[in-house]
Amino acid sequence: MQEAPIPAAPADAAARVQRLREDIARYDHAYYLLDAPLIPDADYDALFRELQQLEEQWPALRSAARIAPFAAWGASASRPRITPPSRSATTFATAAGPYV
């Protein structure tokens, strides 16, 4: 059984979604990277909810970055590799004394 085609969104909805994404990206950058919020949290939340509602109404407007949010930040979906710190024989110690 084939899925029903996703209807195309009207141009004004597509333009609004694009504008919301640009604004949210700018606000995210200022908030998370610069530690200098540009708008109150309540205003940000309202914009984000509006974007979610438009994407629910028009699935064709969903972006890959919103489906997999970590992709936008360059993170991998795979499990991170944790590398233990290297220790030299002269600095590694146990309760009984230096490990030599």
Protein backbone atom coordinates (compact mmCIF):
# COMPACT_ATOMS: atom_id res chain seq x y z
CA MET A 1 0.00 0.00 0.00
CA GLN A 2 1.40 3.35 -1.03
CA GLU A 3 1.39 6.34 1.25
CA ALA A 4 -0.73 9.29 0.23
CA PRO A 5 1.31 12.09 -1.32
CA ILE A 6 2.10 14.99 0.96
CA PRO A 7 0.21 18.07 -0.23
CA ALA A 8 2.27 21.06 -1.22
CA ALA A 9 2.11 24.01 1.16
CA PRO A 10 0.99 27.44 0.00
CA ALA A 11 3.76 29.95 -0.67
CA ASP A 12 2.86 32.12 2.32
CA ALA A 13 3.16 29.14 4.70
CA ALA A 14 6.51 28.19 3.16
CA ALA A 15 7.77 31.76 3.51
CA ARG A 16 6.63 31.94 7.13
CA VAL A 17 8.35 28.64 7.97
CA GLN A 18 11.57 29.87 6.36
CA ARG A 19 11.40 33.12 8.34
CA LEU A 20 10.71 31.25 11.60
CA ARG A 21 13.68 28.93 11.01
CA GLU A 22 15.98 31.88 10.33
CA ASP A 23 14.79 33.75 13.42
CA ILE A 24 14.99 30.66 15.65
CA ALA A 25 18.51 29.88 14.39
CA ARG A 26 19.59 33.45 15.20
CA TYR A 27 18.01 33.25 18.66
CA ASP A 28 19.59 29.83 19.29
CA HIS A 29 23.03 31.16 18.34
CA ALA A 30 22.70 34.17 20.63
CA TYR A 31 21.31 32.11 23.52
CA TYR A 32 23.50 29.00 23.39
CA LEU A 33 26.77 30.24 21.95
CA LEU A 34 26.94 33.89 22.96
CA ASP A 35 25.03 33.60 26.25
CA ALA A 36 23.15 36.72 25.18
CA PRO A 37 19.44 36.01 24.64
CA LEU A 38 17.74 38.33 22.17
CA ILE A 39 14.12 37.62 23.19
CA PRO A 40 12.35 36.31 26.31
CA ASP A 41 11.89 32.56 26.61
CA ALA A 42 8.10 32.86 26.30
CA ASP A 43 8.43 34.64 22.94
CA TYR A 44 10.91 32.02 21.69
CA ASP A 45 8.56 29.23 22.80
CA ALA A 46 5.66 30.84 20.92
CA LEU A 47 7.71 31.05 17.72
CA PHE A 48 8.84 27.45 18.10
CA ARG A 49 5.25 26.27 18.65
CA GLU A 50 4.14 28.19 15.56
CA LEU A 51 6.85 26.44 13.53
CA GLN A 52 5.77 23.06 14.89
CA GLN A 53 2.13 23.76 14.04
CA LEU A 54 2.96 24.79 10.48
CA GLU A 55 5.12 21.68 10.01
CA GLU A 56 2.29 19.49 11.33
CA GLN A 57 -0.20 21.16 9.02
CA TRP A 58 2.16 21.02 6.02
CA PRO A 59 4.50 17.98 6.35
CA ALA A 60 6.25 18.93 3.11
CA LEU A 61 7.75 21.89 5.01
CA ARG A 62 9.54 19.72 7.58
CA SER A 63 13.30 19.99 7.43
CA ALA A 64 15.86 17.25 8.03
CA ALA A 65 17.45 19.36 10.77
CA ARG A 66 14.14 19.46 12.67
CA ILE A 67 13.59 15.73 12.22
CA ALA A 68 17.13 15.01 13.46
CA PRO A 69 18.01 18.13 15.46
CA PHE A 70 21.57 17.06 16.25
CA ALA A 71 22.39 17.03 12.54
CA ALA A 72 22.16 20.81 12.56
CA TRP A 73 24.96 21.00 15.14
CA GLY A 74 27.17 18.48 13.39
CA ALA A 75 26.72 15.80 16.03
CA SER A 76 26.62 12.17 15.10
CA ALA A 77 23.61 10.02 15.82
CA SER A 78 25.97 7.19 16.73
CA ARG A 79 27.22 6.61 20.23
CA PRO A 80 30.09 8.94 21.15
CA ARG A 81 33.49 7.39 21.60
CA ILE A 82 34.96 8.08 25.01
CA THR A 83 38.72 8.00 25.18
CA PRO A 84 40.26 7.73 28.64
CA PRO A 85 42.99 10.22 29.47
CA SER A 86 46.51 9.00 28.85
CA ARG A 87 48.75 8.61 31.86
CA SER A 88 52.46 8.23 32.03
CA ALA A 89 54.02 5.55 34.23
CA THR A 90 55.53 8.24 36.45
CA THR A 91 52.23 9.96 37.24
CA PHE A 92 49.93 6.97 37.57
CA ALA A 93 49.50 6.00 41.21
CA THR A 94 47.52 3.47 43.20
CA ALA A 95 46.68 3.29 46.89
CA ALA A 96 49.83 1.21 47.40
CA GLY A 97 52.05 3.81 45.71
CA PRO A 98 53.23 4.71 42.22
CA TYR A 99 52.59 2.20 39.45
CA VAL A 100 55.97 1.49 37.90
